[in-house]
Protein backbone atom coordinates (compact mmCIF):
# COMPACT_ATOMS: atom_id res chain seq x y z
CA MET A 1 12.63 -3.16 -21.34
CA ASP A 2 10.60 -5.88 -23.08
CA LYS A 3 7.44 -5.14 -25.31
CA ILE A 4 4.04 -5.50 -24.19
CA ASN A 5 1.69 -7.74 -26.41
CA ARG A 6 -1.62 -5.29 -27.09
CA GLU A 7 -3.64 -8.16 -27.24
CA ASP A 8 -3.15 -9.40 -23.67
CA MET A 9 -3.70 -6.05 -22.50
CA LEU A 10 -7.23 -5.94 -24.48
CA GLU A 11 -8.37 -9.13 -22.89
CA LEU A 12 -8.48 -7.49 -19.62
CA THR A 13 -9.94 -4.37 -20.50
CA ARG A 14 -12.66 -6.70 -21.99
CA ARG A 15 -13.34 -7.89 -18.30
CA MET A 16 -13.35 -4.18 -17.14
CA THR A 17 -16.93 -3.48 -17.73
CA LEU A 18 -19.86 -2.94 -15.35
CA LYS A 19 -21.38 -6.59 -16.35
CA ARG A 20 -18.08 -8.38 -16.51
CA ASN A 21 -16.33 -6.74 -13.82
CA CYS A 22 -13.01 -8.09 -12.92
CA PHE A 23 -12.63 -5.83 -9.38
CA ASP A 24 -13.55 -6.94 -6.07
CA ARG A 25 -11.95 -3.98 -3.91
CA ILE A 26 -11.00 -0.33 -4.24
CA ALA A 27 -8.55 1.45 -2.02
CA GLY A 28 -6.45 4.93 -2.05
CA ALA A 29 -5.37 8.15 -0.32
CA TYR A 30 -5.67 11.70 -1.33
CA MET A 31 -2.21 13.27 -1.04
CA ASP A 32 -1.90 16.98 -0.86
CA GLU A 33 0.65 19.07 -2.77
CA GLU A 34 3.70 18.23 -0.40
CA GLY A 35 3.18 14.20 -0.48
CA PHE A 36 1.06 14.18 2.85
CA VAL A 37 -2.20 11.91 3.20
CA ASP A 38 -5.40 13.88 3.41
CA GLY A 39 -7.62 11.00 3.98
CA THR A 40 -8.07 7.51 2.71
CA PHE A 41 -10.60 4.95 1.72
CA ASN A 42 -11.04 1.41 1.23
CA LYS A 43 -14.32 -0.37 -0.21
CA HIS A 44 -15.70 -3.34 -1.83
CA PHE A 45 -15.80 -2.54 -5.12
CA GLN A 46 -19.62 -4.24 -5.71
CA LYS A 47 -20.89 -1.92 -2.87
CA LEU A 48 -20.08 1.42 -4.71
CA SER A 49 -22.90 2.78 -6.38
CA PHE A 50 -23.77 2.48 -10.38
CA GLY A 51 -22.20 5.83 -11.24
CA ASP A 52 -19.26 5.34 -9.00
CA GLN A 53 -18.37 2.12 -10.19
CA GLN A 54 -18.57 3.36 -13.88
CA ALA A 55 -16.12 6.46 -12.79
CA ASN A 56 -13.77 4.29 -10.89
CA LEU A 57 -13.82 1.52 -14.15
CA ALA A 58 -12.76 4.48 -16.18
CA ILE A 59 -9.89 5.20 -14.12
CA ALA A 60 -8.61 1.78 -13.62
CA LYS A 61 -8.89 1.14 -17.62
CA THR A 62 -6.71 4.11 -18.31
CA VAL A 63 -3.58 1.88 -17.37
CA PRO A 64 -3.90 -1.12 -19.55
CA PHE A 65 -6.07 0.74 -22.34
CA SER A 66 -3.14 3.06 -22.84
CA GLU A 67 -0.66 3.18 -25.78
CA THR A 68 0.88 -0.09 -25.88
CA ASN A 69 4.69 0.37 -25.67
CA VAL A 70 4.53 4.21 -25.67
CA GLU A 71 2.68 5.03 -22.93
CA LEU A 72 2.38 1.54 -21.22
CA LYS A 73 5.93 0.05 -21.20
CA GLU A 74 7.18 -3.01 -19.39
CA TYR A 75 10.17 -3.21 -16.82
CA ALA A 76 11.55 -6.20 -15.25
CA PHE A 77 12.30 -5.95 -11.37
CA ARG A 78 16.40 -6.87 -10.52
CA GLU A 79 17.09 -8.78 -7.93
CA ALA A 80 18.15 -5.78 -5.43
CA ASP A 81 14.57 -4.20 -6.15
CA THR A 82 12.76 -7.51 -4.75
CA ARG A 83 14.72 -7.78 -1.27
CA PRO A 84 12.67 -8.02 2.02
CA GLY A 85 11.31 -4.28 2.83
CA SER A 86 11.33 -3.43 -1.07
CA ILE A 87 8.02 -2.18 -2.79
CA TRP A 88 8.10 -5.35 -4.79
CA GLN A 89 7.32 -7.21 -1.73
CA MET A 90 4.71 -4.62 -0.48
CA LEU A 91 2.92 -4.92 -3.89
CA MET A 92 3.12 -8.70 -3.74
CA ALA A 93 1.73 -8.76 -0.14
CA LEU A 94 -1.15 -6.23 -1.02
CA LYS A 95 -2.01 -8.44 -4.18
CA GLU A 96 -2.41 -11.60 -2.03
CA CYS A 97 -4.46 -9.92 0.70
CA GLY A 98 -6.76 -8.25 -1.81
CA LEU A 99 -5.76 -4.61 -0.44
CA LYS A 100 -7.34 -5.62 3.03
CA ASN A 101 -4.68 -4.62 4.88
CA ASP A 102 -5.10 -1.00 5.78
CA ALA A 103 -1.97 -0.46 8.04
CA MET A 104 0.28 -1.85 5.13
CA LEU A 105 -1.72 0.59 2.42
CA ASP A 106 -0.61 3.64 4.66
CA VAL A 107 2.95 2.27 4.77
CA PHE A 108 2.85 2.44 1.05
CA TYR A 109 1.12 5.74 0.86
CA GLU A 110 3.86 7.30 3.21
CA GLU A 111 6.54 5.88 1.05
CA PHE A 112 5.02 7.17 -2.24
CA GLY A 113 4.42 10.59 -0.84
CA SER A 114 7.84 11.09 0.47
CA LYS A 115 9.07 10.51 -3.19
CA TYR A 116 6.82 11.33 -5.70
CA ARG A 117 6.89 14.96 -7.33
CA THR A 118 4.21 16.48 -9.00
CA ASP A 119 1.85 19.70 -9.27
CA GLY A 120 -0.66 20.24 -6.80
CA SER A 121 -2.63 17.64 -4.71
CA TYR A 122 -3.38 14.50 -6.18
CA ALA A 123 -5.03 10.95 -5.44
CA VAL A 124 -3.51 7.28 -5.39
CA TYR A 125 -6.38 4.66 -6.58
CA PHE A 126 -5.60 0.97 -6.13
CA PHE A 127 -7.59 -1.76 -7.69
CA HIS A 128 -7.46 -5.55 -6.64
CA GLY A 129 -8.77 -7.99 -9.49
CA SER A 130 -8.82 -11.12 -10.86
CA TYR A 131 -9.36 -13.04 -13.76
CA ASP A 132 -10.01 -16.34 -14.85
CA VAL A 133 -7.48 -16.95 -18.10
CA PRO A 134 -9.25 -19.51 -20.25
CA LEU A 135 -7.39 -22.09 -21.94
CA LYS A 136 -7.09 -21.67 -25.61
CA ALA A 137 -7.94 -24.52 -28.13
CA GLY A 138 -4.97 -25.00 -31.18
CA ASP A 139 -7.50 -22.84 -33.35
CA LYS A 140 -7.33 -20.13 -30.95
CA GLU A 141 -10.75 -20.25 -29.52
CA SER A 142 -11.59 -20.15 -25.99
CA LEU A 143 -12.35 -23.23 -23.88
CA TRP A 144 -14.40 -23.62 -20.82
CA GLU A 145 -11.55 -24.49 -18.65
CA SER A 146 -9.45 -22.08 -16.76
CA GLU A 147 -5.95 -21.88 -17.12
CA GLU A 148 -5.05 -20.02 -14.21
CA VAL A 149 -6.64 -17.27 -12.14
CA TYR A 150 -4.57 -14.17 -12.64
CA GLN A 151 -4.62 -11.74 -9.53
CA PHE A 152 -3.57 -8.31 -9.99
CA LEU A 153 -3.15 -4.43 -8.76
CA ILE A 154 -3.69 -1.89 -10.83
CA CYS A 155 -2.64 1.80 -9.41
CA ALA A 156 -3.26 4.98 -10.81
CA VAL A 157 -2.42 8.45 -9.75
CA CYS A 158 -4.92 11.25 -10.36
CA PRO A 159 -4.63 14.90 -9.93
CA VAL A 160 -7.68 16.11 -7.88
CA SER A 161 -9.52 19.51 -7.71
CA GLY A 162 -12.35 20.76 -5.77
CA ASP A 163 -13.69 17.94 -3.56
CA TYR A 164 -11.45 15.36 -4.34
CA GLU A 165 -12.63 15.26 -7.80
CA PRO A 166 -9.86 13.21 -10.04
CA GLY A 167 -8.33 14.19 -13.56
CA ARG A 168 -7.15 11.78 -15.79
CA ALA A 169 -4.45 9.58 -14.51
CA GLU A 170 -1.17 10.88 -14.88
CA CYS A 171 0.74 7.37 -14.32
CA GLY A 172 0.32 4.28 -12.75
CA PHE A 173 1.11 0.64 -13.16
CA LEU A 174 -0.46 -3.12 -13.28
CA PHE A 175 1.38 -5.88 -11.22
CA PRO A 176 2.16 -8.27 -11.87
CA ALA A 177 2.68 -7.66 -15.65
CA PHE A 178 0.07 -9.65 -17.73
CA LYS A 179 2.69 -11.44 -20.04
CA ASP A 180 2.02 -14.32 -22.79
CA ARG A 181 -1.43 -14.66 -21.11
CA SER A 182 0.00 -15.16 -17.48
CA SER A 183 1.20 -13.45 -14.37
CA ASP A 184 4.85 -12.49 -14.20
CA ILE A 185 5.77 -11.46 -10.83
CA HIS A 186 9.08 -10.13 -11.61
CA ARG A 187 7.88 -7.38 -14.51
CA ILE A 188 5.39 -4.52 -13.83
CA ASP A 189 3.69 -2.47 -16.77
CA VAL A 190 4.19 1.13 -15.85
CA PHE A 191 2.04 3.76 -17.29
CA THR A 192 2.96 7.44 -17.87
CA ALA A 193 0.57 10.02 -19.65
CA GLU A 194 1.76 11.81 -22.27
CA GLY A 195 4.12 14.79 -21.47
CA ARG A 196 4.59 13.45 -17.89
CA THR A 197 8.13 13.18 -17.79
CA GLY A 198 8.92 14.02 -14.54
CA GLN A 199 6.06 12.12 -12.78
CA ALA A 200 7.31 9.08 -14.80
CA GLU A 201 10.77 9.50 -13.17
CA SER A 202 9.36 9.84 -9.59
CA LEU A 203 7.52 6.38 -10.16
CA ARG A 204 10.44 4.55 -11.34
CA LYS A 205 12.31 5.73 -8.30
CA ILE A 206 9.76 4.51 -5.93
CA LEU A 207 9.48 1.03 -7.88
CA PHE A 208 13.15 0.87 -8.29
CA PRO A 209 15.02 2.54 -5.63
CA GLN A 210 18.37 0.08 -6.18
CA ALA A 211 18.48 0.02 -9.85
CA LEU A 212 18.43 3.60 -10.27
CA ALA A 213 20.76 4.41 -7.00
């Protein structure tokens, strides 16, 4: 397990505001306490109301804004966990299609619900974003040119109550990892809220089934 550079995460979260929004799509599923899908959604982020954009940005920011190397830790995928049919392969495809493949998302939700264990109903939120990573001059001041376009997914799992009202995220991830101001498809930054060790174990089993077998 490698260390995450806090500055990388802060650079990302600075683009997660209403004025500098980096997200173009949000998708997700509401899951019952047994892990079955109650309902799904898939929307263009900019078409949400002002209030909904604000609320969902807060959910998304929970992952990269969490305490680095304590709540948010970096893991490397092993070769066994990147084979055809793996969750890694599915995440790569979801990133490339920008969350526009509902059938693939449904497969993910079903797989997730069959293995994830928590107390009560919950929601799985997916965000697709892109960030034009600016070049840095020798004095570390930004230049106008873009070094690369970092496309990424944020997943946040939140308990829900009442009319699908989400609580604070209990776990989630950022994929691919944003490492040294660049995309690393062989790594993932996994978030677990304090005290949620059971959820952390469930999430790792989903992401790394072969490594933990």
